[in-house]
Amino acid sequence: MSKNYIFHAGEATVLAAEGQFTDAMPEILIGRTDGPVGQAFANMMAQSKGHTAMFAIRACNQMVRPATITVPKVTLKDTANIELFGGVVQSATADAVLDCVIEGIIPRDVADDLCIISLVWIDPRCATDPNLDKKDMYRTNYEATKLAIKRALNNEPSFDELIANRHTIKHDYDDWS
């Protein structure tokens, strides 16, 4: 693992339980507050219509550290989706970040010098699904965020893995090759 923490990127996908639309696919940037990730983090504090950034908090007055900002990948057009983003997803993200510190994935001695940007996906069908399982939404976002942070800080996948899988693994929506 690189010890400079200038710029690390990671992603992960955790699939929903059967019958749910709660797949989680966070894309993570983690780096020093005085580097390019910190600059991007500060720039994200401005409002962008439909893509409001929020700090990851565990509960009111419990902002997680390293400071983490969550940004939706899709335009949030209604109160129901905004509540899922600012509730279940925000909480799952915060808990995953804190557990990464507790477990040493993010070293505690540098945690205050780092910040995280997490781009998160909420399937628009979740807000209107009468059978939405918020526990599953929490689970997928928690697990995927934790895995994306681990991958980012370990520079995963490795070049060897990418090269080995170049012609065997295809994008899930690959119908063009």
N, C-alpha and C. Protein backbone atom coordinates (compact mmCIF):
# COMPACT_ATOMS: atom_id res chain seq x y z
N MET A 1 0.84 -1.17 0.00
CA MET A 1 0.00 0.00 0.00
C MET A 1 0.88 1.24 0.00
N SER A 2 0.56 2.18 -0.85
CA SER A 2 1.29 3.44 -0.90
C SER A 2 1.05 4.22 0.38
N LYS A 3 2.09 4.79 0.93
CA LYS A 3 1.96 5.55 2.17
C LYS A 3 1.80 7.04 1.95
N ASN A 4 1.81 7.50 0.68
CA ASN A 4 1.68 8.93 0.46
C ASN A 4 0.24 9.41 0.47
N TYR A 5 -0.71 8.54 0.18
CA TYR A 5 -2.14 8.84 0.21
C TYR A 5 -2.50 10.07 -0.61
N ILE A 6 -1.82 10.29 -1.74
CA ILE A 6 -2.12 11.44 -2.58
C ILE A 6 -3.44 11.25 -3.31
N PHE A 7 -3.59 10.12 -3.99
CA PHE A 7 -4.78 9.90 -4.81
C PHE A 7 -4.98 8.41 -4.98
N HIS A 8 -6.03 7.88 -4.41
CA HIS A 8 -6.36 6.47 -4.56
C HIS A 8 -7.82 6.35 -4.99
N ALA A 9 -8.06 5.53 -5.98
CA ALA A 9 -9.41 5.32 -6.49
C ALA A 9 -9.78 3.85 -6.37
N GLY A 10 -11.04 3.61 -6.06
CA GLY A 10 -11.53 2.24 -5.96
C GLY A 10 -13.01 2.19 -6.21
N GLU A 11 -13.47 1.01 -6.55
CA GLU A 11 -14.90 0.80 -6.76
C GLU A 11 -15.24 -0.62 -6.35
N ALA A 12 -16.53 -0.82 -6.14
CA ALA A 12 -17.00 -2.16 -5.81
C ALA A 12 -18.49 -2.23 -6.14
N THR A 13 -18.94 -3.43 -6.42
CA THR A 13 -20.37 -3.66 -6.62
C THR A 13 -20.79 -4.79 -5.70
N VAL A 14 -21.86 -4.55 -4.96
CA VAL A 14 -22.48 -5.58 -4.13
C VAL A 14 -23.93 -5.66 -4.57
N LEU A 15 -24.35 -6.87 -4.93
CA LEU A 15 -25.68 -7.07 -5.49
C LEU A 15 -26.75 -7.18 -4.42
N ALA A 16 -27.93 -6.75 -4.78
CA ALA A 16 -29.09 -6.75 -3.90
C ALA A 16 -29.61 -8.17 -3.68
N ALA A 17 -30.42 -8.29 -2.65
CA ALA A 17 -31.14 -9.54 -2.42
C ALA A 17 -32.15 -9.73 -3.54
N GLU A 18 -32.55 -10.94 -3.75
CA GLU A 18 -33.53 -11.27 -4.80
C GLU A 18 -34.76 -10.37 -4.68
N GLY A 19 -35.16 -9.80 -5.81
CA GLY A 19 -36.36 -8.97 -5.85
C GLY A 19 -36.17 -7.52 -5.41
N GLN A 20 -34.94 -7.14 -5.09
CA GLN A 20 -34.66 -5.77 -4.66
C GLN A 20 -33.90 -5.04 -5.76
N PHE A 21 -33.94 -3.72 -5.71
CA PHE A 21 -33.20 -2.87 -6.65
C PHE A 21 -32.10 -2.12 -5.91
N THR A 22 -31.58 -2.73 -4.86
CA THR A 22 -30.67 -2.04 -3.94
C THR A 22 -29.19 -2.33 -4.19
N ASP A 23 -28.85 -2.70 -5.43
CA ASP A 23 -27.44 -2.89 -5.75
C ASP A 23 -26.67 -1.63 -5.36
N ALA A 24 -25.46 -1.81 -4.87
CA ALA A 24 -24.61 -0.68 -4.51
C ALA A 24 -23.34 -0.72 -5.35
N MET A 25 -22.94 0.45 -5.85
CA MET A 25 -21.78 0.56 -6.73
C MET A 25 -21.01 1.84 -6.44
N PRO A 26 -20.48 2.00 -5.24
CA PRO A 26 -19.76 3.24 -4.96
C PRO A 26 -18.44 3.32 -5.71
N GLU A 27 -18.11 4.52 -6.09
CA GLU A 27 -16.80 4.83 -6.67
C GLU A 27 -16.15 5.81 -5.70
N ILE A 28 -14.97 5.44 -5.24
CA ILE A 28 -14.31 6.13 -4.13
C ILE A 28 -13.04 6.81 -4.59
N LEU A 29 -12.86 8.04 -4.13
CA LEU A 29 -11.54 8.70 -4.17
C LEU A 29 -11.15 8.96 -2.74
N ILE A 30 -9.94 8.60 -2.39
CA ILE A 30 -9.44 8.88 -1.05
C ILE A 30 -8.03 9.44 -1.18
N GLY A 31 -7.79 10.48 -0.42
CA GLY A 31 -6.47 11.10 -0.47
C GLY A 31 -6.34 12.17 0.59
N ARG A 32 -5.18 12.79 0.61
CA ARG A 32 -4.87 13.82 1.60
C ARG A 32 -5.73 15.07 1.38
N THR A 33 -6.06 15.71 2.48
CA THR A 33 -6.85 16.94 2.39
C THR A 33 -6.07 18.06 1.71
N ASP A 34 -4.74 17.99 1.74
CA ASP A 34 -3.92 19.04 1.11
C ASP A 34 -3.45 18.65 -0.29
N GLY A 35 -4.11 17.67 -0.90
CA GLY A 35 -3.76 17.22 -2.24
C GLY A 35 -4.93 17.36 -3.19
N PRO A 36 -4.85 16.69 -4.34
CA PRO A 36 -5.90 16.83 -5.35
C PRO A 36 -7.27 16.33 -4.88
N VAL A 37 -7.31 15.29 -4.06
CA VAL A 37 -8.60 14.80 -3.57
C VAL A 37 -9.21 15.83 -2.62
N GLY A 38 -8.38 16.43 -1.79
CA GLY A 38 -8.87 17.48 -0.90
C GLY A 38 -9.41 18.67 -1.66
N GLN A 39 -8.75 19.03 -2.75
CA GLN A 39 -9.23 20.14 -3.59
C GLN A 39 -10.58 19.79 -4.22
N ALA A 40 -10.68 18.58 -4.74
CA ALA A 40 -11.95 18.14 -5.34
C ALA A 40 -13.05 18.09 -4.28
N PHE A 41 -12.70 17.63 -3.09
CA PHE A 41 -13.64 17.56 -1.97
C PHE A 41 -14.19 18.95 -1.67
N ALA A 42 -13.32 19.93 -1.54
CA ALA A 42 -13.74 21.30 -1.25
C ALA A 42 -14.62 21.85 -2.37
N ASN A 43 -14.27 21.55 -3.60
CA ASN A 43 -15.06 22.03 -4.74
C ASN A 43 -16.45 21.41 -4.78
N MET A 44 -16.62 20.25 -4.19
CA MET A 44 -17.92 19.58 -4.21
C MET A 44 -18.89 20.16 -3.18
N MET A 45 -18.45 21.08 -2.39
CA MET A 45 -19.32 21.67 -1.38
C MET A 45 -20.37 22.59 -2.00
N ALA A 46 -20.21 22.96 -3.25
CA ALA A 46 -21.20 23.79 -3.93
C ALA A 46 -22.38 22.93 -4.36
N GLN A 47 -23.53 23.54 -4.46
CA GLN A 47 -24.73 22.83 -4.90
C GLN A 47 -24.69 22.57 -6.40
N SER A 48 -25.20 21.44 -6.79
CA SER A 48 -25.36 21.10 -8.20
C SER A 48 -26.76 20.50 -8.33
N LYS A 49 -27.60 21.08 -9.12
CA LYS A 49 -29.00 20.67 -9.20
C LYS A 49 -29.13 19.16 -9.39
N GLY A 50 -29.83 18.54 -8.45
CA GLY A 50 -30.08 17.11 -8.53
C GLY A 50 -28.96 16.23 -8.02
N HIS A 51 -27.81 16.81 -7.76
CA HIS A 51 -26.65 16.04 -7.29
C HIS A 51 -26.07 16.66 -6.02
N THR A 52 -26.92 16.92 -5.07
CA THR A 52 -26.49 17.54 -3.83
C THR A 52 -25.53 16.62 -3.08
N ALA A 53 -24.39 17.17 -2.72
CA ALA A 53 -23.41 16.41 -1.94
C ALA A 53 -23.75 16.54 -0.46
N MET A 54 -23.53 15.48 0.28
CA MET A 54 -23.77 15.47 1.72
C MET A 54 -22.59 14.83 2.42
N PHE A 55 -22.27 15.35 3.60
CA PHE A 55 -21.29 14.67 4.43
C PHE A 55 -21.88 13.33 4.88
N ALA A 56 -21.03 12.35 5.02
CA ALA A 56 -21.46 11.07 5.58
C ALA A 56 -21.49 11.22 7.09
N ILE A 57 -22.69 11.08 7.64
CA ILE A 57 -22.85 11.17 9.09
C ILE A 57 -23.45 9.87 9.59
N ARG A 58 -23.07 9.50 10.80
CA ARG A 58 -23.65 8.30 11.41
C ARG A 58 -24.98 8.64 12.05
N ALA A 59 -25.11 9.85 12.52
CA ALA A 59 -26.34 10.39 13.12
C ALA A 59 -26.09 11.89 13.26
N CYS A 60 -27.09 12.63 13.63
CA CYS A 60 -26.89 14.07 13.82
C CYS A 60 -25.73 14.29 14.79
N ASN A 61 -24.87 15.20 14.44
CA ASN A 61 -23.69 15.57 15.24
C ASN A 61 -22.64 14.45 15.31
N GLN A 62 -22.67 13.53 14.35
CA GLN A 62 -21.71 12.43 14.31
C GLN A 62 -21.14 12.26 12.91
N MET A 63 -20.51 13.34 12.40
CA MET A 63 -19.88 13.26 11.09
C MET A 63 -18.69 12.31 11.18
N VAL A 64 -18.61 11.42 10.24
CA VAL A 64 -17.56 10.42 10.25
C VAL A 64 -16.22 11.05 9.86
N ARG A 65 -15.14 10.43 10.32
CA ARG A 65 -13.79 10.82 9.95
C ARG A 65 -13.06 9.58 9.47
N PRO A 66 -12.29 9.69 8.38
CA PRO A 66 -12.00 10.87 7.61
C PRO A 66 -13.28 11.50 7.05
N ALA A 67 -13.23 12.82 6.91
CA ALA A 67 -14.38 13.52 6.34
C ALA A 67 -14.71 12.86 5.01
N THR A 68 -16.00 12.56 4.83
CA THR A 68 -16.46 11.84 3.65
C THR A 68 -17.67 12.57 3.08
N ILE A 69 -17.64 12.77 1.79
CA ILE A 69 -18.75 13.40 1.11
C ILE A 69 -19.36 12.39 0.15
N THR A 70 -20.68 12.29 0.18
CA THR A 70 -21.38 11.39 -0.73
C THR A 70 -22.08 12.22 -1.79
N VAL A 71 -22.01 11.74 -3.02
CA VAL A 71 -22.61 12.43 -4.15
C VAL A 71 -23.37 11.40 -4.97
N PRO A 72 -24.65 11.66 -5.27
CA PRO A 72 -25.39 10.69 -6.07
C PRO A 72 -24.93 10.69 -7.53
N LYS A 73 -24.92 9.50 -8.13
CA LYS A 73 -24.55 9.36 -9.55
C LYS A 73 -25.70 9.70 -10.47
N VAL A 74 -26.91 9.67 -9.95
CA VAL A 74 -28.09 9.99 -10.74
C VAL A 74 -28.79 11.19 -10.13
N THR A 75 -29.54 11.91 -10.94
CA THR A 75 -30.29 13.07 -10.45
C THR A 75 -31.38 12.60 -9.50
N LEU A 76 -31.40 13.19 -8.32
CA LEU A 76 -32.44 12.88 -7.34
C LEU A 76 -33.58 13.88 -7.56
N LYS A 77 -34.70 13.38 -8.05
CA LYS A 77 -35.79 14.26 -8.47
C LYS A 77 -36.92 14.37 -7.46
N ASP A 78 -36.92 13.52 -6.45
CA ASP A 78 -38.07 13.53 -5.54
C ASP A 78 -37.62 13.32 -4.10
N THR A 79 -38.50 13.67 -3.20
CA THR A 79 -38.22 13.58 -1.77
C THR A 79 -37.90 12.15 -1.34
N ALA A 80 -38.59 11.17 -1.90
CA ALA A 80 -38.37 9.78 -1.50
C ALA A 80 -36.94 9.34 -1.78
N ASN A 81 -36.41 9.65 -2.97
CA ASN A 81 -35.02 9.29 -3.28
C ASN A 81 -34.04 10.09 -2.45
N ILE A 82 -34.33 11.36 -2.23
CA ILE A 82 -33.45 12.20 -1.40
C ILE A 82 -33.39 11.65 0.02
N GLU A 83 -34.53 11.19 0.54
CA GLU A 83 -34.54 10.62 1.89
C GLU A 83 -33.73 9.32 1.96
N LEU A 84 -33.79 8.49 0.91
CA LEU A 84 -32.97 7.27 0.89
C LEU A 84 -31.49 7.63 0.85
N PHE A 85 -31.14 8.61 0.03
CA PHE A 85 -29.75 9.05 -0.10
C PHE A 85 -29.25 9.64 1.22
N GLY A 86 -30.05 10.52 1.82
CA GLY A 86 -29.64 11.19 3.05
C GLY A 86 -29.95 10.41 4.31
N GLY A 87 -30.39 9.20 4.17
CA GLY A 87 -30.71 8.36 5.30
C GLY A 87 -29.93 7.06 5.24
N VAL A 88 -30.51 6.07 4.60
CA VAL A 88 -29.92 4.72 4.55
C VAL A 88 -28.52 4.75 3.94
N VAL A 89 -28.38 5.36 2.76
CA VAL A 89 -27.09 5.33 2.06
C VAL A 89 -26.04 6.14 2.82
N GLN A 90 -26.44 7.30 3.32
CA GLN A 90 -25.52 8.15 4.08
C GLN A 90 -25.02 7.41 5.34
N SER A 91 -25.92 6.77 6.04
CA SER A 91 -25.56 6.03 7.25
C SER A 91 -24.66 4.83 6.94
N ALA A 92 -24.99 4.08 5.91
CA ALA A 92 -24.19 2.92 5.52
C ALA A 92 -22.78 3.35 5.13
N THR A 93 -22.68 4.44 4.40
CA THR A 93 -21.37 4.96 3.99
C THR A 93 -20.55 5.36 5.21
N ALA A 94 -21.17 6.10 6.11
CA ALA A 94 -20.47 6.55 7.31
C ALA A 94 -20.00 5.37 8.16
N ASP A 95 -20.86 4.39 8.35
CA ASP A 95 -20.48 3.23 9.16
C ASP A 95 -19.33 2.46 8.51
N ALA A 96 -19.36 2.34 7.19
CA ALA A 96 -18.29 1.63 6.48
C ALA A 96 -16.96 2.36 6.65
N VAL A 97 -16.98 3.69 6.53
CA VAL A 97 -15.75 4.47 6.69
C VAL A 97 -15.21 4.30 8.11
N LEU A 98 -16.06 4.44 9.11
CA LEU A 98 -15.60 4.30 10.49
C LEU A 98 -15.07 2.89 10.75
N ASP A 99 -15.75 1.88 10.25
CA ASP A 99 -15.26 0.51 10.44
C ASP A 99 -13.92 0.29 9.73
N CYS A 100 -13.69 0.98 8.62
CA CYS A 100 -12.38 0.89 7.96
C CYS A 100 -11.27 1.46 8.86
N VAL A 101 -11.59 2.48 9.63
CA VAL A 101 -10.61 3.02 10.59
C VAL A 101 -10.43 2.03 11.75
N ILE A 102 -11.53 1.56 12.28
CA ILE A 102 -11.48 0.61 13.41
C ILE A 102 -10.66 -0.62 13.04
N GLU A 103 -10.84 -1.13 11.82
CA GLU A 103 -10.16 -2.36 11.38
C GLU A 103 -8.76 -2.11 10.82
N GLY A 104 -8.32 -0.86 10.75
CA GLY A 104 -6.97 -0.55 10.28
C GLY A 104 -6.84 -0.48 8.77
N ILE A 105 -7.94 -0.62 8.03
CA ILE A 105 -7.88 -0.47 6.57
C ILE A 105 -7.44 0.96 6.25
N ILE A 106 -8.00 1.91 6.97
CA ILE A 106 -7.54 3.31 6.95
C ILE A 106 -6.77 3.50 8.25
N PRO A 107 -5.47 3.75 8.17
CA PRO A 107 -4.70 3.91 9.40
C PRO A 107 -5.19 5.11 10.22
N ARG A 108 -5.47 4.87 11.48
CA ARG A 108 -6.01 5.92 12.35
C ARG A 108 -5.08 7.12 12.47
N ASP A 109 -3.78 6.89 12.41
CA ASP A 109 -2.83 7.99 12.60
C ASP A 109 -2.81 8.97 11.43
N VAL A 110 -3.40 8.61 10.28
CA VAL A 110 -3.49 9.55 9.15
C VAL A 110 -4.93 9.90 8.79
N ALA A 111 -5.89 9.33 9.50
CA ALA A 111 -7.30 9.51 9.15
C ALA A 111 -7.72 10.97 9.10
N ASP A 112 -7.23 11.79 10.01
CA ASP A 112 -7.61 13.20 10.01
C ASP A 112 -6.96 13.99 8.88
N ASP A 113 -5.97 13.42 8.22
CA ASP A 113 -5.31 14.08 7.09
C ASP A 113 -5.92 13.67 5.76
N LEU A 114 -6.90 12.76 5.79
CA LEU A 114 -7.50 12.23 4.57
C LEU A 114 -8.94 12.70 4.41
N CYS A 115 -9.42 12.63 3.20
CA CYS A 115 -10.84 12.83 2.92
C CYS A 115 -11.25 11.85 1.84
N ILE A 116 -12.55 11.60 1.78
CA ILE A 116 -13.10 10.62 0.86
C ILE A 116 -14.25 11.24 0.09
N ILE A 117 -14.26 10.99 -1.20
CA ILE A 117 -15.40 11.33 -2.05
C ILE A 117 -16.01 9.99 -2.47
N SER A 118 -17.30 9.83 -2.23
CA SER A 118 -17.98 8.60 -2.59
C SER A 118 -19.14 8.92 -3.53
N LEU A 119 -19.03 8.46 -4.77
CA LEU A 119 -20.12 8.59 -5.72
C LEU A 119 -21.00 7.36 -5.54
N VAL A 120 -22.28 7.57 -5.28
CA VAL A 120 -23.15 6.44 -4.95
C VAL A 120 -24.33 6.35 -5.91
N TRP A 121 -24.80 5.14 -6.10
CA TRP A 121 -25.90 4.83 -7.00
C TRP A 121 -27.14 4.50 -6.17
N ILE A 122 -28.24 5.11 -6.53
CA ILE A 122 -29.54 4.70 -6.01
C ILE A 122 -30.41 4.44 -7.23
N ASP A 123 -30.86 3.21 -7.37
CA ASP A 123 -31.74 2.88 -8.47
C ASP A 123 -33.05 3.66 -8.26
N PRO A 124 -33.46 4.45 -9.22
CA PRO A 124 -34.68 5.25 -9.05
C PRO A 124 -35.92 4.43 -8.71
N ARG A 125 -35.91 3.13 -9.00
CA ARG A 125 -37.06 2.28 -8.67
C ARG A 125 -37.21 2.06 -7.17
N CYS A 126 -36.14 2.27 -6.40
CA CYS A 126 -36.21 2.02 -4.96
C CYS A 126 -37.28 2.86 -4.27
N ALA A 127 -37.36 4.12 -4.64
CA ALA A 127 -38.27 5.04 -3.96
C ALA A 127 -39.74 4.67 -4.14
N THR A 128 -40.07 3.99 -5.22
CA THR A 128 -41.48 3.64 -5.47
C THR A 128 -41.76 2.16 -5.23
N ASP A 129 -40.77 1.42 -4.81
CA ASP A 129 -40.95 -0.01 -4.57
C ASP A 129 -41.64 -0.23 -3.22
N PRO A 130 -42.87 -0.73 -3.22
CA PRO A 130 -43.57 -0.93 -1.94
C PRO A 130 -42.92 -2.01 -1.07
N ASN A 131 -42.06 -2.82 -1.68
CA ASN A 131 -41.37 -3.89 -0.93
C ASN A 131 -39.90 -3.58 -0.69
N LEU A 132 -39.54 -2.30 -0.76
CA LEU A 132 -38.14 -1.92 -0.55
C LEU A 132 -37.66 -2.40 0.81
N ASP A 133 -36.53 -3.08 0.80
CA ASP A 133 -35.91 -3.57 2.02
C ASP A 133 -34.74 -2.62 2.35
N LYS A 134 -34.99 -1.70 3.26
CA LYS A 134 -33.95 -0.72 3.61
C LYS A 134 -32.76 -1.38 4.28
N LYS A 135 -32.98 -2.50 4.94
CA LYS A 135 -31.85 -3.22 5.54
C LYS A 135 -30.94 -3.77 4.45
N ASP A 136 -31.52 -4.23 3.35
CA ASP A 136 -30.70 -4.70 2.25
C ASP A 136 -29.97 -3.53 1.59
N MET A 137 -30.64 -2.40 1.46
CA MET A 137 -30.00 -1.20 0.90
C MET A 137 -28.82 -0.79 1.77
N TYR A 138 -29.00 -0.82 3.09
CA TYR A 138 -27.90 -0.52 4.01
C TYR A 138 -26.77 -1.53 3.80
N ARG A 139 -27.10 -2.82 3.79
CA ARG A 139 -26.09 -3.87 3.65
C ARG A 139 -25.26 -3.70 2.39
N THR A 140 -25.93 -3.52 1.26
CA THR A 140 -25.18 -3.43 0.01
C THR A 140 -24.28 -2.20 -0.02
N ASN A 141 -24.77 -1.07 0.46
CA ASN A 141 -23.97 0.14 0.46
C ASN A 141 -22.82 0.06 1.46
N TYR A 142 -23.08 -0.53 2.62
CA TYR A 142 -22.03 -0.70 3.62
C TYR A 142 -20.91 -1.61 3.07
N GLU A 143 -21.29 -2.78 2.59
CA GLU A 143 -20.29 -3.74 2.11
C GLU A 143 -19.52 -3.19 0.91
N ALA A 144 -20.21 -2.57 -0.02
CA ALA A 144 -19.54 -2.06 -1.22
C ALA A 144 -18.61 -0.89 -0.90
N THR A 145 -19.03 -0.02 0.00
CA THR A 145 -18.17 1.12 0.37
C THR A 145 -16.90 0.63 1.04
N LYS A 146 -17.05 -0.29 1.95
CA LYS A 146 -15.88 -0.84 2.66
C LYS A 146 -14.93 -1.53 1.68
N LEU A 147 -15.47 -2.29 0.76
CA LEU A 147 -14.65 -2.99 -0.22
C LEU A 147 -13.98 -2.00 -1.17
N ALA A 148 -14.70 -0.96 -1.59
CA ALA A 148 -14.12 0.04 -2.50
C ALA A 148 -12.96 0.79 -1.83
N ILE A 149 -13.10 1.10 -0.54
CA ILE A 149 -12.01 1.78 0.19
C ILE A 149 -10.80 0.85 0.27
N LYS A 150 -11.04 -0.41 0.62
CA LYS A 150 -9.94 -1.38 0.72
C LYS A 150 -9.23 -1.51 -0.63
N ARG A 151 -10.00 -1.63 -1.69
CA ARG A 151 -9.41 -1.75 -3.02
C ARG A 151 -8.62 -0.50 -3.39
N ALA A 152 -9.17 0.66 -3.07
CA ALA A 152 -8.49 1.91 -3.39
C ALA A 152 -7.12 1.96 -2.71
N LEU A 153 -7.09 1.67 -1.43
CA LEU A 153 -5.84 1.79 -0.67
C LEU A 153 -4.85 0.67 -0.97
N ASN A 154 -5.33 -0.41 -1.56
CA ASN A 154 -4.44 -1.51 -1.95
C ASN A 154 -4.15 -1.52 -3.44
N ASN A 155 -4.57 -0.47 -4.15
CA ASN A 155 -4.37 -0.37 -5.60
C ASN A 155 -4.85 -1.62 -6.32
N GLU A 156 -6.09 -2.01 -6.02
CA GLU A 156 -6.70 -3.19 -6.62
C GLU A 156 -7.79 -2.79 -7.62
N PRO A 157 -7.94 -3.55 -8.66
CA PRO A 157 -7.20 -4.74 -9.01
C PRO A 157 -5.79 -4.39 -9.50
N SER A 158 -4.89 -5.33 -9.34
CA SER A 158 -3.51 -5.13 -9.78
C SER A 158 -3.45 -5.16 -11.30
N PHE A 159 -2.36 -4.64 -11.85
CA PHE A 159 -2.16 -4.73 -13.29
C PHE A 159 -2.12 -6.18 -13.75
N ASP A 160 -1.49 -7.05 -12.97
CA ASP A 160 -1.42 -8.47 -13.34
C ASP A 160 -2.82 -9.06 -13.45
N GLU A 161 -3.71 -8.73 -12.50
CA GLU A 161 -5.08 -9.24 -12.55
C GLU A 161 -5.83 -8.68 -13.75
N LEU A 162 -5.68 -7.40 -14.00
CA LEU A 162 -6.35 -6.78 -15.15
C LEU A 162 -5.89 -7.42 -16.47
N ILE A 163 -4.60 -7.62 -16.59
CA ILE A 163 -4.05 -8.21 -17.82
C ILE A 163 -4.51 -9.66 -17.96
N ALA A 164 -4.48 -10.41 -16.86
CA ALA A 164 -4.90 -11.81 -16.91
C ALA A 164 -6.36 -11.96 -17.31
N ASN A 165 -7.18 -11.01 -16.93
CA ASN A 165 -8.62 -11.09 -17.19
C ASN A 165 -9.07 -10.27 -18.39
N ARG A 166 -8.14 -9.71 -19.14
CA ARG A 166 -8.46 -8.78 -20.23
C ARG A 166 -9.46 -9.35 -21.22
N HIS A 167 -9.34 -10.61 -21.56
CA HIS A 167 -10.22 -11.19 -22.57
C HIS A 167 -11.21 -12.19 -22.00
N THR A 168 -11.25 -12.34 -20.69
CA THR A 168 -12.16 -13.31 -20.10
C THR A 168 -13.31 -12.67 -19.33
N ILE A 169 -13.12 -11.45 -18.84
CA ILE A 169 -14.17 -10.76 -18.09
C ILE A 169 -14.69 -9.61 -18.94
N LYS A 170 -16.01 -9.53 -19.01
CA LYS A 170 -16.64 -8.46 -19.80
C LYS A 170 -17.56 -7.64 -18.89
N HIS A 171 -17.81 -6.42 -19.30
CA HIS A 171 -18.74 -5.55 -18.60
C HIS A 171 -20.11 -6.23 -18.55
N ASP A 172 -20.84 -6.04 -17.46
CA ASP A 172 -22.15 -6.68 -17.30
C ASP A 172 -23.13 -6.32 -18.42
N TYR A 173 -22.98 -5.14 -18.97
CA TYR A 173 -23.90 -4.70 -20.02
C TYR A 173 -23.24 -4.79 -21.40
N ASP A 174 -22.22 -5.63 -21.52
CA ASP A 174 -21.47 -5.76 -22.76
C ASP A 174 -22.27 -6.58 -23.78
N ASP A 175 -22.82 -5.88 -24.75
CA ASP A 175 -23.44 -6.58 -25.86
C ASP A 175 -22.88 -6.05 -27.18
N TRP A 176 -21.74 -5.45 -27.10
CA TRP A 176 -21.11 -4.83 -28.29
C TRP A 176 -19.84 -5.53 -28.72
N SER A 177 -19.35 -6.46 -27.95
CA SER A 177 -18.09 -7.11 -28.37
C SER A 177 -18.25 -8.60 -28.55
